[in-house]
Amino acid sequence: MILILSISNILLDKKYKLTHLRISTFGLIVSFIQFIMSLIFGFLKINRNFDLLKNIMLSFLAVVFIFIGWSIHTRQNNSRKKHFRIFVFFLIGLLFIFFGD
């Protein structure tokens, strides 16, 4: 949803509003909760192998990229740049989450 909203706002050249900040912050929080859950469920598994480490690292990288994008977009003044930063870094994070599972 965040990706669709940000790409539509880029294409329609809409102004960045407080609602967009709230939605991106919610996405950041949800991705962090997903990372914590992958840590908990990963360490609860009986047979630990390389796939566990791979999934945890990819989830961690997803959260890092989403957080980097979120923190970079808060420093931008231009609405188009804010939407673009959110789109790019959330897309990278989403790809890491998909490849981690």
N, C-alpha and C. Protein backbone atom coordinates (compact mmCIF):
# COMPACT_ATOMS: atom_id res chain seq x y z
N MET A 1 0.82 -1.19 0.00
CA MET A 1 0.00 0.00 0.00
C MET A 1 0.87 1.26 0.00
N ILE A 2 1.94 1.22 0.77
CA ILE A 2 2.82 2.39 0.83
C ILE A 2 3.47 2.63 -0.52
N LEU A 3 3.86 1.55 -1.19
CA LEU A 3 4.49 1.70 -2.50
C LEU A 3 3.52 2.25 -3.53
N ILE A 4 2.29 1.77 -3.52
CA ILE A 4 1.28 2.26 -4.46
C ILE A 4 0.96 3.72 -4.19
N LEU A 5 0.82 4.06 -2.92
CA LEU A 5 0.53 5.45 -2.55
C LEU A 5 1.66 6.39 -2.96
N SER A 6 2.89 5.98 -2.71
CA SER A 6 4.01 6.86 -3.02
C SER A 6 4.22 7.01 -4.53
N ILE A 7 4.07 5.92 -5.29
CA ILE A 7 4.26 6.05 -6.74
C ILE A 7 3.14 6.86 -7.37
N SER A 8 1.92 6.72 -6.85
CA SER A 8 0.83 7.54 -7.39
C SER A 8 1.02 9.01 -7.04
N ASN A 9 1.56 9.29 -5.87
CA ASN A 9 1.82 10.68 -5.50
C ASN A 9 2.98 11.27 -6.29
N ILE A 10 3.93 10.44 -6.68
CA ILE A 10 5.02 10.91 -7.54
C ILE A 10 4.48 11.27 -8.91
N LEU A 11 3.67 10.37 -9.46
CA LEU A 11 3.15 10.59 -10.81
C LEU A 11 2.15 11.75 -10.87
N LEU A 12 1.35 11.90 -9.83
CA LEU A 12 0.36 12.98 -9.81
C LEU A 12 0.91 14.27 -9.21
N ASP A 13 2.15 14.24 -8.74
CA ASP A 13 2.84 15.39 -8.17
C ASP A 13 2.03 16.03 -7.04
N LYS A 14 1.63 15.17 -6.08
CA LYS A 14 0.86 15.64 -4.93
C LYS A 14 1.79 16.12 -3.83
N LYS A 15 1.26 16.99 -3.00
CA LYS A 15 2.01 17.53 -1.87
C LYS A 15 2.10 16.48 -0.76
N TYR A 16 3.23 16.45 -0.08
CA TYR A 16 3.43 15.53 1.03
C TYR A 16 2.68 16.06 2.25
N LYS A 17 1.86 15.20 2.85
CA LYS A 17 1.01 15.61 3.97
C LYS A 17 1.36 14.81 5.21
N LEU A 18 0.75 15.21 6.31
CA LEU A 18 0.97 14.52 7.57
C LEU A 18 0.47 13.07 7.51
N THR A 19 -0.55 12.83 6.73
CA THR A 19 -1.07 11.47 6.56
C THR A 19 -0.02 10.56 5.94
N HIS A 20 0.74 11.07 4.99
CA HIS A 20 1.80 10.27 4.37
C HIS A 20 2.89 9.92 5.38
N LEU A 21 3.20 10.87 6.25
CA LEU A 21 4.19 10.60 7.30
C LEU A 21 3.69 9.51 8.23
N ARG A 22 2.43 9.58 8.59
CA ARG A 22 1.86 8.57 9.49
C ARG A 22 1.85 7.19 8.84
N ILE A 23 1.51 7.13 7.57
CA ILE A 23 1.47 5.83 6.88
C ILE A 23 2.87 5.24 6.76
N SER A 24 3.86 6.07 6.43
CA SER A 24 5.23 5.55 6.32
C SER A 24 5.79 5.15 7.68
N THR A 25 5.42 5.88 8.73
CA THR A 25 5.85 5.51 10.07
C THR A 25 5.21 4.19 10.49
N PHE A 26 3.95 4.00 10.15
CA PHE A 26 3.28 2.73 10.43
C PHE A 26 3.97 1.58 9.69
N GLY A 27 4.37 1.80 8.45
CA GLY A 27 5.09 0.78 7.69
C GLY A 27 6.42 0.44 8.33
N LEU A 28 7.11 1.45 8.85
CA LEU A 28 8.37 1.23 9.54
C LEU A 28 8.16 0.39 10.79
N ILE A 29 7.13 0.70 11.56
CA ILE A 29 6.85 -0.04 12.79
C ILE A 29 6.47 -1.49 12.48
N VAL A 30 5.65 -1.69 11.46
CA VAL A 30 5.24 -3.05 11.09
C VAL A 30 6.44 -3.87 10.62
N SER A 31 7.34 -3.27 9.87
CA SER A 31 8.52 -4.01 9.41
C SER A 31 9.43 -4.36 10.58
N PHE A 32 9.52 -3.48 11.57
CA PHE A 32 10.33 -3.78 12.75
C PHE A 32 9.70 -4.92 13.55
N ILE A 33 8.38 -4.91 13.69
CA ILE A 33 7.70 -6.00 14.39
C ILE A 33 7.90 -7.32 13.64
N GLN A 34 7.87 -7.27 12.32
CA GLN A 34 8.09 -8.48 11.52
C GLN A 34 9.50 -9.02 11.74
N PHE A 35 10.48 -8.12 11.87
CA PHE A 35 11.86 -8.54 12.13
C PHE A 35 11.98 -9.19 13.50
N ILE A 36 11.36 -8.60 14.51
CA ILE A 36 11.40 -9.16 15.86
C ILE A 36 10.74 -10.55 15.88
N MET A 37 9.62 -10.68 15.17
CA MET A 37 8.95 -11.98 15.11
C MET A 37 9.80 -13.02 14.39
N SER A 38 10.52 -12.61 13.34
CA SER A 38 11.39 -13.57 12.65
C SER A 38 12.55 -13.99 13.55
N LEU A 39 13.02 -13.08 14.38
CA LEU A 39 14.06 -13.45 15.35
C LEU A 39 13.53 -14.46 16.36
N ILE A 40 12.36 -14.18 16.91
CA ILE A 40 11.79 -15.07 17.92
C ILE A 40 11.50 -16.44 17.34
N PHE A 41 10.80 -16.48 16.21
CA PHE A 41 10.46 -17.77 15.61
C PHE A 41 11.69 -18.48 15.08
N GLY A 42 12.69 -17.74 14.66
CA GLY A 42 13.91 -18.36 14.16
C GLY A 42 14.68 -19.07 15.25
N PHE A 43 14.75 -18.47 16.42
CA PHE A 43 15.49 -19.09 17.50
C PHE A 43 14.68 -20.15 18.24
N LEU A 44 13.38 -20.22 18.00
CA LEU A 44 12.57 -21.28 18.60
C LEU A 44 12.65 -22.58 17.82
N LYS A 45 13.14 -22.53 16.60
CA LYS A 45 13.25 -23.76 15.80
C LYS A 45 14.30 -24.68 16.42
N ILE A 46 14.02 -25.97 16.34
CA ILE A 46 14.92 -26.96 16.94
C ILE A 46 16.20 -27.11 16.11
N ASN A 47 16.05 -27.35 14.83
CA ASN A 47 17.22 -27.56 13.98
C ASN A 47 17.64 -26.22 13.36
N ARG A 48 18.72 -25.72 13.83
CA ARG A 48 19.23 -24.44 13.32
C ARG A 48 20.18 -24.74 12.17
N ASN A 49 19.98 -24.03 11.09
CA ASN A 49 20.83 -24.23 9.93
C ASN A 49 21.12 -22.88 9.27
N PHE A 50 21.72 -22.94 8.10
CA PHE A 50 22.12 -21.72 7.41
C PHE A 50 20.93 -20.90 6.95
N ASP A 51 19.80 -21.55 6.64
CA ASP A 51 18.61 -20.82 6.19
C ASP A 51 18.09 -19.89 7.27
N LEU A 52 18.22 -20.29 8.52
CA LEU A 52 17.79 -19.44 9.63
C LEU A 52 18.59 -18.14 9.64
N LEU A 53 19.89 -18.26 9.51
CA LEU A 53 20.74 -17.07 9.51
C LEU A 53 20.45 -16.20 8.29
N LYS A 54 20.20 -16.82 7.15
CA LYS A 54 19.89 -16.08 5.94
C LYS A 54 18.59 -15.30 6.10
N ASN A 55 17.56 -15.93 6.64
CA ASN A 55 16.27 -15.26 6.82
C ASN A 55 16.37 -14.10 7.80
N ILE A 56 17.11 -14.30 8.87
CA ILE A 56 17.26 -13.23 9.87
C ILE A 56 18.05 -12.07 9.29
N MET A 57 19.11 -12.36 8.55
CA MET A 57 19.91 -11.27 7.97
C MET A 57 19.13 -10.50 6.91
N LEU A 58 18.35 -11.19 6.08
CA LEU A 58 17.56 -10.50 5.07
C LEU A 58 16.46 -9.66 5.72
N SER A 59 15.87 -10.15 6.80
CA SER A 59 14.87 -9.35 7.52
C SER A 59 15.53 -8.12 8.15
N PHE A 60 16.73 -8.31 8.68
CA PHE A 60 17.46 -7.19 9.27
C PHE A 60 17.80 -6.15 8.21
N LEU A 61 18.26 -6.59 7.04
CA LEU A 61 18.58 -5.66 5.96
C LEU A 61 17.34 -4.92 5.48
N ALA A 62 16.20 -5.60 5.46
CA ALA A 62 14.95 -4.95 5.06
C ALA A 62 14.60 -3.83 6.02
N VAL A 63 14.71 -4.09 7.31
CA VAL A 63 14.41 -3.06 8.31
C VAL A 63 15.41 -1.91 8.20
N VAL A 64 16.66 -2.22 7.96
CA VAL A 64 17.68 -1.17 7.84
C VAL A 64 17.38 -0.27 6.64
N PHE A 65 17.07 -0.86 5.49
CA PHE A 65 16.78 -0.04 4.31
C PHE A 65 15.50 0.77 4.49
N ILE A 66 14.49 0.19 5.10
CA ILE A 66 13.26 0.95 5.33
C ILE A 66 13.53 2.10 6.29
N PHE A 67 14.33 1.85 7.33
CA PHE A 67 14.65 2.92 8.27
C PHE A 67 15.50 4.01 7.62
N ILE A 68 16.44 3.62 6.77
CA ILE A 68 17.26 4.61 6.06
C ILE A 68 16.38 5.48 5.17
N GLY A 69 15.48 4.85 4.43
CA GLY A 69 14.58 5.61 3.57
C GLY A 69 13.68 6.53 4.35
N TRP A 70 13.19 6.05 5.49
CA TRP A 70 12.31 6.87 6.32
C TRP A 70 13.07 8.07 6.89
N SER A 71 14.30 7.84 7.35
CA SER A 71 15.06 8.95 7.93
C SER A 71 15.53 9.94 6.87
N ILE A 72 15.84 9.46 5.66
CA ILE A 72 16.25 10.37 4.59
C ILE A 72 15.07 11.22 4.13
N HIS A 73 13.89 10.61 4.06
CA HIS A 73 12.74 11.37 3.55
C HIS A 73 12.31 12.47 4.51
N THR A 74 12.60 12.32 5.80
CA THR A 74 12.20 13.37 6.74
C THR A 74 13.05 14.63 6.58
N ARG A 75 14.24 14.49 5.99
CA ARG A 75 15.12 15.65 5.80
C ARG A 75 14.90 16.37 4.48
N GLN A 76 14.10 15.80 3.60
CA GLN A 76 13.86 16.42 2.29
C GLN A 76 12.83 17.54 2.41
N ASN A 77 12.97 18.55 1.57
CA ASN A 77 12.02 19.65 1.56
C ASN A 77 11.02 19.53 0.42
N ASN A 78 11.40 18.89 -0.65
CA ASN A 78 10.56 18.74 -1.82
C ASN A 78 9.64 17.53 -1.64
N SER A 79 8.34 17.70 -1.90
CA SER A 79 7.37 16.60 -1.73
C SER A 79 7.66 15.44 -2.67
N ARG A 80 8.05 15.75 -3.89
CA ARG A 80 8.34 14.70 -4.87
C ARG A 80 9.52 13.85 -4.42
N LYS A 81 10.55 14.49 -3.86
CA LYS A 81 11.71 13.75 -3.37
C LYS A 81 11.34 12.88 -2.17
N LYS A 82 10.46 13.39 -1.31
CA LYS A 82 10.03 12.60 -0.16
C LYS A 82 9.32 11.33 -0.61
N HIS A 83 8.39 11.48 -1.53
CA HIS A 83 7.67 10.31 -2.03
C HIS A 83 8.61 9.34 -2.74
N PHE A 84 9.57 9.87 -3.47
CA PHE A 84 10.52 9.02 -4.20
C PHE A 84 11.41 8.23 -3.23
N ARG A 85 11.89 8.88 -2.17
CA ARG A 85 12.74 8.19 -1.19
C ARG A 85 11.95 7.07 -0.50
N ILE A 86 10.71 7.36 -0.14
CA ILE A 86 9.88 6.33 0.48
C ILE A 86 9.68 5.16 -0.48
N PHE A 87 9.38 5.46 -1.73
CA PHE A 87 9.14 4.40 -2.71
C PHE A 87 10.37 3.52 -2.90
N VAL A 88 11.52 4.12 -3.11
CA VAL A 88 12.73 3.35 -3.41
C VAL A 88 13.14 2.48 -2.23
N PHE A 89 13.23 3.05 -1.05
CA PHE A 89 13.75 2.28 0.08
C PHE A 89 12.74 1.28 0.61
N PHE A 90 11.45 1.59 0.56
CA PHE A 90 10.46 0.59 0.95
C PHE A 90 10.42 -0.54 -0.06
N LEU A 91 10.64 -0.26 -1.34
CA LEU A 91 10.70 -1.31 -2.35
C LEU A 91 11.89 -2.23 -2.11
N ILE A 92 13.04 -1.66 -1.80
CA ILE A 92 14.22 -2.48 -1.49
C ILE A 92 13.95 -3.35 -0.26
N GLY A 93 13.35 -2.76 0.77
CA GLY A 93 13.01 -3.53 1.96
C GLY A 93 12.02 -4.63 1.68
N LEU A 94 11.03 -4.35 0.85
CA LEU A 94 10.04 -5.36 0.50
C LEU A 94 10.67 -6.51 -0.27
N LEU A 95 11.61 -6.20 -1.16
CA LEU A 95 12.31 -7.26 -1.89
C LEU A 95 13.13 -8.14 -0.95
N PHE A 96 13.79 -7.52 0.03
CA PHE A 96 14.54 -8.31 1.01
C PHE A 96 13.61 -9.20 1.83
N ILE A 97 12.43 -8.69 2.17
CA ILE A 97 11.48 -9.50 2.94
C ILE A 97 10.99 -10.68 2.10
N PHE A 98 10.70 -10.45 0.83
CA PHE A 98 10.23 -11.54 -0.03
C PHE A 98 11.30 -12.59 -0.24
N PHE A 99 12.55 -12.17 -0.42
CA PHE A 99 13.61 -13.14 -0.65
C PHE A 99 14.03 -13.83 0.64
N GLY A 100 13.68 -13.27 1.78
CA GLY A 100 14.02 -13.89 3.05
C GLY A 100 13.12 -15.05 3.41
N ASP A 101 11.95 -15.10 2.83
CA ASP A 101 11.01 -16.18 3.19
C ASP A 101 11.04 -17.32 2.23
